[in-house]
């Protein structure tokens, strides 16, 4: 049970740190913030494809909202929570 709780806590941190924070901070200076947002959303969608086509309806708007939030505030902790 402890391993499940640990993985449940660590997974969102890693997803936001890598999929949003790291990716956007590396893509934005070179290709622009709009491309960084699109790349972040595309990676998030790719990571959630195993959930089926209905996940696109849920993940796409959340991914866009999270990417825009990070682009404007540069804060990841609210996204993890």
C-alpha atoms as a PDB file:
ATOM      1  CA  UNK A   1       0.000   0.000   0.000  1.00  0.00           C
ATOM      2  CA  UNK A   2       2.881   2.361   0.749  1.00  0.00           C
ATOM      3  CA  UNK A   3       4.304   1.845  -2.752  1.00  0.00           C
ATOM      4  CA  UNK A   4       0.942   2.661  -4.333  1.00  0.00           C
ATOM      5  CA  UNK A   5       0.632   5.856  -2.289  1.00  0.00           C
ATOM      6  CA  UNK A   6       4.195   6.858  -3.127  1.00  0.00           C
ATOM      7  CA  UNK A   7       3.682   6.304  -6.851  1.00  0.00           C
ATOM      8  CA  UNK A   8       0.387   8.162  -6.705  1.00  0.00           C
ATOM      9  CA  UNK A   9       2.185  11.161  -5.220  1.00  0.00           C
ATOM     10  CA  UNK A  10       5.285  11.022  -7.434  1.00  0.00           C
ATOM     11  CA  UNK A  11       3.643  10.431 -10.831  1.00  0.00           C
ATOM     12  CA  UNK A  12       1.924  13.851 -11.122  1.00  0.00           C
ATOM     13  CA  UNK A  13       5.115  15.585 -10.028  1.00  0.00           C
ATOM     14  CA  UNK A  14       7.138  13.870 -12.725  1.00  0.00           C
ATOM     15  CA  UNK A  15       4.444  14.445 -15.351  1.00  0.00           C
ATOM     16  CA  UNK A  16       4.293  18.172 -14.656  1.00  0.00           C
ATOM     17  CA  UNK A  17       8.044  18.631 -14.188  1.00  0.00           C
ATOM     18  CA  UNK A  18       8.934  16.889 -17.434  1.00  0.00           C
ATOM     19  CA  UNK A  19       5.837  17.337 -19.589  1.00  0.00           C
ATOM     20  CA  UNK A  20       5.171  20.929 -18.729  1.00  0.00           C
ATOM     21  CA  UNK A  21       8.084  22.573 -16.964  1.00  0.00           C
ATOM     22  CA  UNK A  22      11.108  21.074 -18.686  1.00  0.00           C
ATOM     23  CA  UNK A  23       9.588  20.724 -22.145  1.00  0.00           C
ATOM     24  CA  UNK A  24       8.165  24.234 -22.236  1.00  0.00           C
ATOM     25  CA  UNK A  25      11.313  25.822 -20.830  1.00  0.00           C
ATOM     26  CA  UNK A  26      13.405  24.202 -23.568  1.00  0.00           C
ATOM     27  CA  UNK A  27      11.030  24.654 -26.513  1.00  0.00           C
ATOM     28  CA  UNK A  28       9.804  28.218 -25.821  1.00  0.00           C
ATOM     29  CA  UNK A  29      13.126  30.084 -26.236  1.00  0.00           C
ATOM     30  CA  UNK A  30      13.837  28.384 -29.534  1.00  0.00           C
ATOM     31  CA  UNK A  31      10.421  28.068 -31.171  1.00  0.00           C
ATOM     32  CA  UNK A  32       8.132  30.384 -29.207  1.00  0.00           C
ATOM     33  CA  UNK A  33       5.629  29.983 -26.423  1.00  0.00           C
ATOM     34  CA  UNK A  34       2.760  28.882 -28.672  1.00  0.00           C
ATOM     35  CA  UNK A  35       4.815  25.987 -30.000  1.00  0.00           C
ATOM     36  CA  UNK A  36       5.861  25.101 -26.455  1.00  0.00           C
ATOM     37  CA  UNK A  37       2.223  25.009 -25.348  1.00  0.00           C
ATOM     38  CA  UNK A  38       1.293  22.806 -28.308  1.00  0.00           C
ATOM     39  CA  UNK A  39       4.224  20.467 -27.629  1.00  0.00           C
ATOM     40  CA  UNK A  40       3.233  20.163 -23.978  1.00  0.00           C
ATOM     41  CA  UNK A  41      -0.369  19.364 -24.869  1.00  0.00           C
ATOM     42  CA  UNK A  42       0.715  16.858 -27.541  1.00  0.00           C
ATOM     43  CA  UNK A  43       2.988  15.063 -25.067  1.00  0.00           C
ATOM     44  CA  UNK A  44       0.225  15.005 -22.455  1.00  0.00           C
ATOM     45  CA  UNK A  45      -2.198  13.533 -25.003  1.00  0.00           C
ATOM     46  CA  UNK A  46       0.359  10.929 -26.085  1.00  0.00           C
ATOM     47  CA  UNK A  47       0.866   9.888 -22.471  1.00  0.00           C
ATOM     48  CA  UNK A  48      -2.877   9.415 -21.992  1.00  0.00           C
ATOM     49  CA  UNK A  49      -3.720   7.613 -25.249  1.00  0.00           C
ATOM     50  CA  UNK A  50      -4.039   4.322 -23.387  1.00  0.00           C
ATOM     51  CA  UNK A  51      -7.240   5.721 -21.841  1.00  0.00           C
ATOM     52  CA  UNK A  52      -8.993   5.740 -25.197  1.00  0.00           C
ATOM     53  CA  UNK A  53     -10.559   8.333 -27.442  1.00  0.00           C
ATOM     54  CA  UNK A  54     -12.722   9.756 -24.674  1.00  0.00           C
ATOM     55  CA  UNK A  55      -9.554  10.857 -22.873  1.00  0.00           C
ATOM     56  CA  UNK A  56      -8.925  13.375 -25.652  1.00  0.00           C
ATOM     57  CA  UNK A  57     -12.109  15.194 -24.667  1.00  0.00           C
ATOM     58  CA  UNK A  58     -10.880  15.425 -21.073  1.00  0.00           C
ATOM     59  CA  UNK A  59      -7.099  15.698 -21.475  1.00  0.00           C
ATOM     60  CA  UNK A  60      -7.011  18.283 -24.280  1.00  0.00           C
ATOM     61  CA  UNK A  61      -8.738  21.139 -22.410  1.00  0.00           C
ATOM     62  CA  UNK A  62      -6.927  20.335 -19.176  1.00  0.00           C
ATOM     63  CA  UNK A  63      -3.605  20.207 -21.010  1.00  0.00           C
ATOM     64  CA  UNK A  64      -4.275  23.562 -22.660  1.00  0.00           C
ATOM     65  CA  UNK A  65      -5.303  25.132 -19.356  1.00  0.00           C
ATOM     66  CA  UNK A  66      -2.232  23.756 -17.561  1.00  0.00           C
ATOM     67  CA  UNK A  67       0.137  24.866 -20.324  1.00  0.00           C
ATOM     68  CA  UNK A  68      -1.338  28.381 -20.445  1.00  0.00           C
ATOM     69  CA  UNK A  69      -1.191  28.581 -16.649  1.00  0.00           C
ATOM     70  CA  UNK A  70       2.487  27.625 -16.660  1.00  0.00           C
ATOM     71  CA  UNK A  71       3.231  30.008 -19.542  1.00  0.00           C
ATOM     72  CA  UNK A  72       1.739  32.914 -17.617  1.00  0.00           C
ATOM     73  CA  UNK A  73       2.869  32.144 -14.055  1.00  0.00           C
ATOM     74  CA  UNK A  74       5.879  29.806 -14.355  1.00  0.00           C
ATOM     75  CA  UNK A  75       4.534  27.913 -11.334  1.00  0.00           C
ATOM     76  CA  UNK A  76       4.213  24.117 -11.425  1.00  0.00           C
ATOM     77  CA  UNK A  77       3.057  23.321  -7.904  1.00  0.00           C
ATOM     78  CA  UNK A  78      -0.601  24.254  -8.524  1.00  0.00           C
ATOM     79  CA  UNK A  79      -0.597  21.927 -11.513  1.00  0.00           C
ATOM     80  CA  UNK A  80       0.691  19.029  -9.440  1.00  0.00           C
ATOM     81  CA  UNK A  81      -1.987  19.552  -6.816  1.00  0.00           C
END
